[in-house]
Amino acid sequence: MKYIYVVIACVAFVAFAYLAGRANGVQRCRADCIGDVARMQSQLIKQEEKINAETLNTGVADIRRVLRAKYTIAE
């Protein structure tokens, strides 16, 4: 009878270790995914800044001058 308790205790220990490891793995996976999303969002913001650098650094008067030169009716 004593051996049955030892076997049950070993099985319970293995099951607990498996479930604890699985929960730890899920938590690490979520943390990695959150880090990846933040990294990708940062890269997208940097890429948008490079693409829109001319627009961000252009004043309103300069934009008006360019639009007036391109789209006014020539005489």
PDB file of N, CA and C in Angstrom:
ATOM      1  N   MET A   1       0.815  -1.187   0.000  1.00  0.00           N
ATOM      2  CA  MET A   1       0.000   0.000   0.000  1.00  0.00           C
ATOM      3  C   MET A   1       0.866   1.261   0.000  1.00  0.00           C
ATOM      4  N   LYS A   2       2.015   1.172   0.657  1.00  0.00           N
ATOM      5  CA  LYS A   2       2.912   2.307   0.749  1.00  0.00           C
ATOM      6  C   LYS A   2       3.422   2.695  -0.642  1.00  0.00           C
ATOM      7  N   TYR A   3       3.650   1.722  -1.503  1.00  0.00           N
ATOM      8  CA  TYR A   3       4.169   1.981  -2.848  1.00  0.00           C
ATOM      9  C   TYR A   3       3.142   2.693  -3.728  1.00  0.00           C
ATOM     10  N   ILE A   4       1.891   2.421  -3.516  1.00  0.00           N
ATOM     11  CA  ILE A   4       0.843   3.090  -4.294  1.00  0.00           C
ATOM     12  C   ILE A   4       0.852   4.588  -3.998  1.00  0.00           C
ATOM     13  N   TYR A   5       1.028   4.968  -2.734  1.00  0.00           N
ATOM     14  CA  TYR A   5       1.091   6.380  -2.371  1.00  0.00           C
ATOM     15  C   TYR A   5       2.317   7.059  -2.986  1.00  0.00           C
ATOM     16  N   VAL A   6       3.412   6.346  -3.033  1.00  0.00           N
ATOM     17  CA  VAL A   6       4.624   6.897  -3.632  1.00  0.00           C
ATOM     18  C   VAL A   6       4.412   7.107  -5.131  1.00  0.00           C
ATOM     19  N   VAL A   7       3.793   6.146  -5.806  1.00  0.00           N
ATOM     20  CA  VAL A   7       3.528   6.265  -7.239  1.00  0.00           C
ATOM     21  C   VAL A   7       2.556   7.412  -7.492  1.00  0.00           C
ATOM     22  N   ILE A   8       1.516   7.527  -6.689  1.00  0.00           N
ATOM     23  CA  ILE A   8       0.543   8.612  -6.852  1.00  0.00           C
ATOM     24  C   ILE A   8       1.216   9.965  -6.618  1.00  0.00           C
ATOM     25  N   ALA A   9       2.084  10.049  -5.615  1.00  0.00           N
ATOM     26  CA  ALA A   9       2.798  11.298  -5.346  1.00  0.00           C
ATOM     27  C   ALA A   9       3.708  11.657  -6.508  1.00  0.00           C
ATOM     28  N   CYS A  10       4.386  10.669  -7.099  1.00  0.00           N
ATOM     29  CA  CYS A  10       5.256  10.929  -8.249  1.00  0.00           C
ATOM     30  C   CYS A  10       4.460  11.404  -9.456  1.00  0.00           C
ATOM     31  N   VAL A  11       3.330  10.771  -9.700  1.00  0.00           N
ATOM     32  CA  VAL A  11       2.473  11.169 -10.823  1.00  0.00           C
ATOM     33  C   VAL A  11       1.946  12.584 -10.598  1.00  0.00           C
ATOM     34  N   ALA A  12       1.539  12.891  -9.390  1.00  0.00           N
ATOM     35  CA  ALA A  12       1.045  14.236  -9.080  1.00  0.00           C
ATOM     36  C   ALA A  12       2.153  15.269  -9.258  1.00  0.00           C
ATOM     37  N   PHE A  13       3.368  14.934  -8.827  1.00  0.00           N
ATOM     38  CA  PHE A  13       4.499  15.850  -8.990  1.00  0.00           C
ATOM     39  C   PHE A  13       4.796  16.101 -10.465  1.00  0.00           C
ATOM     40  N   VAL A  14       4.794  15.058 -11.272  1.00  0.00           N
ATOM     41  CA  VAL A  14       5.051  15.202 -12.700  1.00  0.00           C
ATOM     42  C   VAL A  14       3.950  16.032 -13.363  1.00  0.00           C
ATOM     43  N   ALA A  15       2.693  15.791 -12.987  1.00  0.00           N
ATOM     44  CA  ALA A  15       1.584  16.553 -13.562  1.00  0.00           C
ATOM     45  C   ALA A  15       1.696  18.027 -13.170  1.00  0.00           C
ATOM     46  N   PHE A  16       2.019  18.291 -11.915  1.00  0.00           N
ATOM     47  CA  PHE A  16       2.171  19.673 -11.468  1.00  0.00           C
ATOM     48  C   PHE A  16       3.321  20.356 -12.207  1.00  0.00           C
ATOM     49  N   ALA A  17       4.440  19.667 -12.373  1.00  0.00           N
ATOM     50  CA  ALA A  17       5.588  20.240 -13.082  1.00  0.00           C
ATOM     51  C   ALA A  17       5.234  20.531 -14.541  1.00  0.00           C
ATOM     52  N   TYR A  18       4.487  19.629 -15.165  1.00  0.00           N
ATOM     53  CA  TYR A  18       4.074  19.839 -16.558  1.00  0.00           C
ATOM     54  C   TYR A  18       3.183  21.071 -16.673  1.00  0.00           C
ATOM     55  N   LEU A  19       2.179  21.170 -15.804  1.00  0.00           N
ATOM     56  CA  LEU A  19       1.251  22.294 -15.876  1.00  0.00           C
ATOM     57  C   LEU A  19       1.947  23.620 -15.549  1.00  0.00           C
ATOM     58  N   ALA A  20       2.852  23.606 -14.598  1.00  0.00           N
ATOM     59  CA  ALA A  20       3.589  24.824 -14.267  1.00  0.00           C
ATOM     60  C   ALA A  20       4.496  25.239 -15.434  1.00  0.00           C
ATOM     61  N   GLY A  21       5.145  24.286 -16.067  1.00  0.00           N
ATOM     62  CA  GLY A  21       5.989  24.592 -17.218  1.00  0.00           C
ATOM     63  C   GLY A  21       5.192  25.107 -18.401  1.00  0.00           C
ATOM     64  N   ARG A  22       4.026  24.539 -18.582  1.00  0.00           N
ATOM     65  CA  ARG A  22       3.165  24.983 -19.686  1.00  0.00           C
ATOM     66  C   ARG A  22       2.709  26.417 -19.451  1.00  0.00           C
ATOM     67  N   ALA A  23       2.303  26.728 -18.227  1.00  0.00           N
ATOM     68  CA  ALA A  23       1.874  28.093 -17.910  1.00  0.00           C
ATOM     69  C   ALA A  23       3.029  29.071 -18.086  1.00  0.00           C
ATOM     70  N   ASN A  24       4.222  28.676 -17.688  1.00  0.00           N
ATOM     71  CA  ASN A  24       5.396  29.523 -17.851  1.00  0.00           C
ATOM     72  C   ASN A  24       5.685  29.754 -19.333  1.00  0.00           C
ATOM     73  N   GLY A  25       5.552  28.724 -20.143  1.00  0.00           N
ATOM     74  CA  GLY A  25       5.778  28.855 -21.577  1.00  0.00           C
ATOM     75  C   GLY A  25       4.777  29.785 -22.239  1.00  0.00           C
ATOM     76  N   VAL A  26       3.517  29.669 -21.835  1.00  0.00           N
ATOM     77  CA  VAL A  26       2.485  30.552 -22.389  1.00  0.00           C
ATOM     78  C   VAL A  26       2.782  31.999 -22.017  1.00  0.00           C
ATOM     79  N   GLN A  27       3.201  32.228 -20.788  1.00  0.00           N
ATOM     80  CA  GLN A  27       3.514  33.581 -20.342  1.00  0.00           C
ATOM     81  C   GLN A  27       4.703  34.153 -21.121  1.00  0.00           C
ATOM     82  N   ARG A  28       5.731  33.357 -21.342  1.00  0.00           N
ATOM     83  CA  ARG A  28       6.878  33.822 -22.126  1.00  0.00           C
ATOM     84  C   ARG A  28       6.478  34.126 -23.571  1.00  0.00           C
ATOM     85  N   CYS A  29       5.627  33.279 -24.128  1.00  0.00           N
ATOM     86  CA  CYS A  29       5.178  33.484 -25.509  1.00  0.00           C
ATOM     87  C   CYS A  29       4.418  34.797 -25.635  1.00  0.00           C
ATOM     88  N   ARG A  30       3.541  35.069 -24.683  1.00  0.00           N
ATOM     89  CA  ARG A  30       2.793  36.329 -24.713  1.00  0.00           C
ATOM     90  C   ARG A  30       3.731  37.526 -24.588  1.00  0.00           C
ATOM     91  N   ALA A  31       4.706  37.430 -23.706  1.00  0.00           N
ATOM     92  CA  ALA A  31       5.662  38.529 -23.541  1.00  0.00           C
ATOM     93  C   ALA A  31       6.461  38.743 -24.821  1.00  0.00           C
ATOM     94  N   ASP A  32       6.875  37.669 -25.471  1.00  0.00           N
ATOM     95  CA  ASP A  32       7.611  37.793 -26.730  1.00  0.00           C
ATOM     96  C   ASP A  32       6.746  38.428 -27.812  1.00  0.00           C
ATOM     97  N   CYS A  33       5.486  38.035 -27.882  1.00  0.00           N
ATOM     98  CA  CYS A  33       4.580  38.601 -28.887  1.00  0.00           C
ATOM     99  C   CYS A  33       4.364  40.090 -28.644  1.00  0.00           C
ATOM    100  N   ILE A  34       4.212  40.483 -27.386  1.00  0.00           N
ATOM    101  CA  ILE A  34       4.025  41.900 -27.071  1.00  0.00           C
ATOM    102  C   ILE A  34       5.277  42.687 -27.462  1.00  0.00           C
ATOM    103  N   GLY A  35       6.442  42.126 -27.185  1.00  0.00           N
ATOM    104  CA  GLY A  35       7.685  42.794 -27.572  1.00  0.00           C
ATOM    105  C   GLY A  35       7.822  42.917 -29.077  1.00  0.00           C
ATOM    106  N   ASP A  36       7.440  41.876 -29.810  1.00  0.00           N
ATOM    107  CA  ASP A  36       7.506  41.913 -31.270  1.00  0.00           C
ATOM    108  C   ASP A  36       6.564  42.959 -31.842  1.00  0.00           C
ATOM    109  N   VAL A  37       5.368  43.048 -31.295  1.00  0.00           N
ATOM    110  CA  VAL A  37       4.394  44.028 -31.777  1.00  0.00           C
ATOM    111  C   VAL A  37       4.902  45.438 -31.520  1.00  0.00           C
ATOM    112  N   ALA A  38       5.459  45.678 -30.343  1.00  0.00           N
ATOM    113  CA  ALA A  38       5.990  47.003 -30.030  1.00  0.00           C
ATOM    114  C   ALA A  38       7.156  47.349 -30.955  1.00  0.00           C
ATOM    115  N   ARG A  39       8.008  46.375 -31.231  1.00  0.00           N
ATOM    116  CA  ARG A  39       9.147  46.602 -32.122  1.00  0.00           C
ATOM    117  C   ARG A  39       8.672  46.906 -33.543  1.00  0.00           C
ATOM    118  N   MET A  40       7.692  46.173 -34.036  1.00  0.00           N
ATOM    119  CA  MET A  40       7.175  46.416 -35.387  1.00  0.00           C
ATOM    120  C   MET A  40       6.502  47.778 -35.474  1.00  0.00           C
ATOM    121  N   GLN A  41       5.759  48.157 -34.435  1.00  0.00           N
ATOM    122  CA  GLN A  41       5.092  49.453 -34.438  1.00  0.00           C
ATOM    123  C   GLN A  41       6.125  50.575 -34.446  1.00  0.00           C
ATOM    124  N   SER A  42       7.198  50.409 -33.703  1.00  0.00           N
ATOM    125  CA  SER A  42       8.272  51.402 -33.693  1.00  0.00           C
ATOM    126  C   SER A  42       8.905  51.530 -35.072  1.00  0.00           C
ATOM    127  N   GLN A  43       9.127  50.401 -35.739  1.00  0.00           N
ATOM    128  CA  GLN A  43       9.707  50.441 -37.079  1.00  0.00           C
ATOM    129  C   GLN A  43       8.766  51.115 -38.065  1.00  0.00           C
ATOM    130  N   LEU A  44       7.469  50.863 -37.942  1.00  0.00           N
ATOM    131  CA  LEU A  44       6.507  51.514 -38.838  1.00  0.00           C
ATOM    132  C   LEU A  44       6.488  53.017 -38.632  1.00  0.00           C
ATOM    133  N   ILE A  45       6.563  53.449 -37.385  1.00  0.00           N
ATOM    134  CA  ILE A  45       6.565  54.887 -37.114  1.00  0.00           C
ATOM    135  C   ILE A  45       7.814  55.529 -37.702  1.00  0.00           C
ATOM    136  N   LYS A  46       8.966  54.888 -37.546  1.00  0.00           N
ATOM    137  CA  LYS A  46      10.204  55.424 -38.122  1.00  0.00           C
ATOM    138  C   LYS A  46      10.127  55.477 -39.642  1.00  0.00           C
ATOM    139  N   GLN A  47       9.532  54.451 -40.253  1.00  0.00           N
ATOM    140  CA  GLN A  47       9.407  54.423 -41.704  1.00  0.00           C
ATOM    141  C   GLN A  47       8.469  55.525 -42.181  1.00  0.00           C
ATOM    142  N   GLU A  48       7.365  55.747 -41.463  1.00  0.00           N
ATOM    143  CA  GLU A  48       6.460  56.834 -41.841  1.00  0.00           C
ATOM    144  C   GLU A  48       7.145  58.184 -41.728  1.00  0.00           C
ATOM    145  N   GLU A  49       7.971  58.359 -40.700  1.00  0.00           N
ATOM    146  CA  GLU A  49       8.682  59.630 -40.550  1.00  0.00           C
ATOM    147  C   GLU A  49       9.638  59.857 -41.710  1.00  0.00           C
ATOM    148  N   LYS A  50      10.308  58.805 -42.168  1.00  0.00           N
ATOM    149  CA  LYS A  50      11.211  58.953 -43.312  1.00  0.00           C
ATOM    150  C   LYS A  50      10.437  59.284 -44.574  1.00  0.00           C
ATOM    151  N   ILE A  51       9.296  58.616 -44.759  1.00  0.00           N
ATOM    152  CA  ILE A  51       8.501  58.845 -45.966  1.00  0.00           C
ATOM    153  C   ILE A  51       7.920  60.252 -45.973  1.00  0.00           C
ATOM    154  N   ASN A  52       7.450  60.698 -44.826  1.00  0.00           N
ATOM    155  CA  ASN A  52       6.782  61.991 -44.741  1.00  0.00           C
ATOM    156  C   ASN A  52       7.709  63.109 -44.273  1.00  0.00           C
ATOM    157  N   ALA A  53       9.004  62.918 -44.362  1.00  0.00           N
ATOM    158  CA  ALA A  53       9.948  63.924 -43.867  1.00  0.00           C
ATOM    159  C   ALA A  53       9.772  65.254 -44.587  1.00  0.00           C
ATOM    160  N   GLU A  54       9.583  65.199 -45.886  1.00  0.00           N
ATOM    161  CA  GLU A  54       9.424  66.442 -46.638  1.00  0.00           C
ATOM    162  C   GLU A  54       8.143  67.163 -46.226  1.00  0.00           C
ATOM    163  N   THR A  55       7.071  66.427 -46.056  1.00  0.00           N
ATOM    164  CA  THR A  55       5.802  67.032 -45.668  1.00  0.00           C
ATOM    165  C   THR A  55       5.874  67.594 -44.255  1.00  0.00           C
ATOM    166  N   LEU A  56       6.526  66.867 -43.346  1.00  0.00           N
ATOM    167  CA  LEU A  56       6.614  67.325 -41.960  1.00  0.00           C
ATOM    168  C   LEU A  56       7.483  68.566 -41.823  1.00  0.00           C
ATOM    169  N   ASN A  57       8.476  68.721 -42.677  1.00  0.00           N
ATOM    170  CA  ASN A  57       9.401  69.839 -42.573  1.00  0.00           C
ATOM    171  C   ASN A  57       9.051  71.000 -43.493  1.00  0.00           C
ATOM    172  N   THR A  58       7.945  70.923 -44.201  1.00  0.00           N
ATOM    173  CA  THR A  58       7.555  71.976 -45.125  1.00  0.00           C
ATOM    174  C   THR A  58       6.543  72.885 -44.443  1.00  0.00           C
ATOM    175  N   GLY A  59       6.754  74.175 -44.552  1.00  0.00           N
ATOM    176  CA  GLY A  59       5.833  75.135 -43.964  1.00  0.00           C
ATOM    177  C   GLY A  59       4.601  75.337 -44.835  1.00  0.00           C
ATOM    178  N   VAL A  60       3.584  75.988 -44.271  1.00  0.00           N
ATOM    179  CA  VAL A  60       2.329  76.215 -44.995  1.00  0.00           C
ATOM    180  C   VAL A  60       2.554  77.129 -46.185  1.00  0.00           C
ATOM    181  N   ALA A  61       3.360  78.136 -46.022  1.00  0.00           N
ATOM    182  CA  ALA A  61       3.612  79.067 -47.123  1.00  0.00           C
ATOM    183  C   ALA A  61       4.292  78.355 -48.286  1.00  0.00           C
ATOM    184  N   ASP A  62       5.198  77.461 -47.986  1.00  0.00           N
ATOM    185  CA  ASP A  62       5.897  76.718 -49.033  1.00  0.00           C
ATOM    186  C   ASP A  62       4.924  75.805 -49.771  1.00  0.00           C
ATOM    187  N   ILE A  63       4.022  75.170 -49.060  1.00  0.00           N
ATOM    188  CA  ILE A  63       3.031  74.295 -49.690  1.00  0.00           C
ATOM    189  C   ILE A  63       2.117  75.112 -50.599  1.00  0.00           C
ATOM    190  N   ARG A  64       1.689  76.276 -50.131  1.00  0.00           N
ATOM    191  CA  ARG A  64       0.834  77.143 -50.960  1.00  0.00           C
ATOM    192  C   ARG A  64       1.555  77.561 -52.230  1.00  0.00           C
ATOM    193  N   ARG A  65       2.833  77.900 -52.105  1.00  0.00           N
ATOM    194  CA  ARG A  65       3.597  78.326 -53.277  1.00  0.00           C
ATOM    195  C   ARG A  65       3.692  77.190 -54.294  1.00  0.00           C
ATOM    196  N   VAL A  66       3.968  75.993 -53.850  1.00  0.00           N
ATOM    197  CA  VAL A  66       4.088  74.849 -54.751  1.00  0.00           C
ATOM    198  C   VAL A  66       2.747  74.548 -55.409  1.00  0.00           C
ATOM    199  N   LEU A  67       1.674  74.543 -54.619  1.00  0.00           N
ATOM    200  CA  LEU A  67       0.357  74.272 -55.196  1.00  0.00           C
ATOM    201  C   LEU A  67      -0.058  75.365 -56.181  1.00  0.00           C
ATOM    202  N   ARG A  68       0.227  76.607 -55.873  1.00  0.00           N
ATOM    203  CA  ARG A  68      -0.126  77.722 -56.771  1.00  0.00           C
ATOM    204  C   ARG A  68       0.657  77.595 -58.076  1.00  0.00           C
ATOM    205  N   ALA A  69       1.904  77.197 -57.992  1.00  0.00           N
ATOM    206  CA  ALA A  69       2.730  77.063 -59.204  1.00  0.00           C
ATOM    207  C   ALA A  69       2.262  75.901 -60.063  1.00  0.00           C
ATOM    208  N   LYS A  70       1.797  74.844 -59.468  1.00  0.00           N
ATOM    209  CA  LYS A  70       1.393  73.667 -60.244  1.00  0.00           C
ATOM    210  C   LYS A  70      -0.021  73.773 -60.793  1.00  0.00           C
ATOM    211  N   TYR A  71      -0.936  74.368 -60.030  1.00  0.00           N
ATOM    212  CA  TYR A  71      -2.337  74.234 -60.381  1.00  0.00           C
ATOM    213  C   TYR A  71      -3.032  75.546 -60.727  1.00  0.00           C
ATOM    214  N   THR A  72      -2.347  76.620 -61.023  1.00  0.00           N
ATOM    215  CA  THR A  72      -3.022  77.831 -61.471  1.00  0.00           C
ATOM    216  C   THR A  72      -3.124  77.814 -62.999  1.00  0.00           C
ATOM    217  N   ILE A  73      -4.084  78.547 -63.485  1.00  0.00           N
ATOM    218  CA  ILE A  73      -4.296  78.603 -64.927  1.00  0.00           C
ATOM    219  C   ILE A  73      -3.278  79.560 -65.533  1.00  0.00           C
ATOM    220  N   ALA A  74      -2.498  79.040 -66.458  1.00  0.00           N
ATOM    221  CA  ALA A  74      -1.473  79.861 -67.099  1.00  0.00           C
ATOM    222  C   ALA A  74      -2.136  80.793 -68.103  1.00  0.00           C
ATOM    223  N   GLU A  75      -1.613  81.998 -68.204  1.00  0.00           N
ATOM    224  CA  GLU A  75      -2.205  82.969 -69.115  1.00  0.00           C
ATOM    225  C   GLU A  75      -1.548  82.946 -70.459  1.00  0.00           C
TER     226      GLU A  75
END
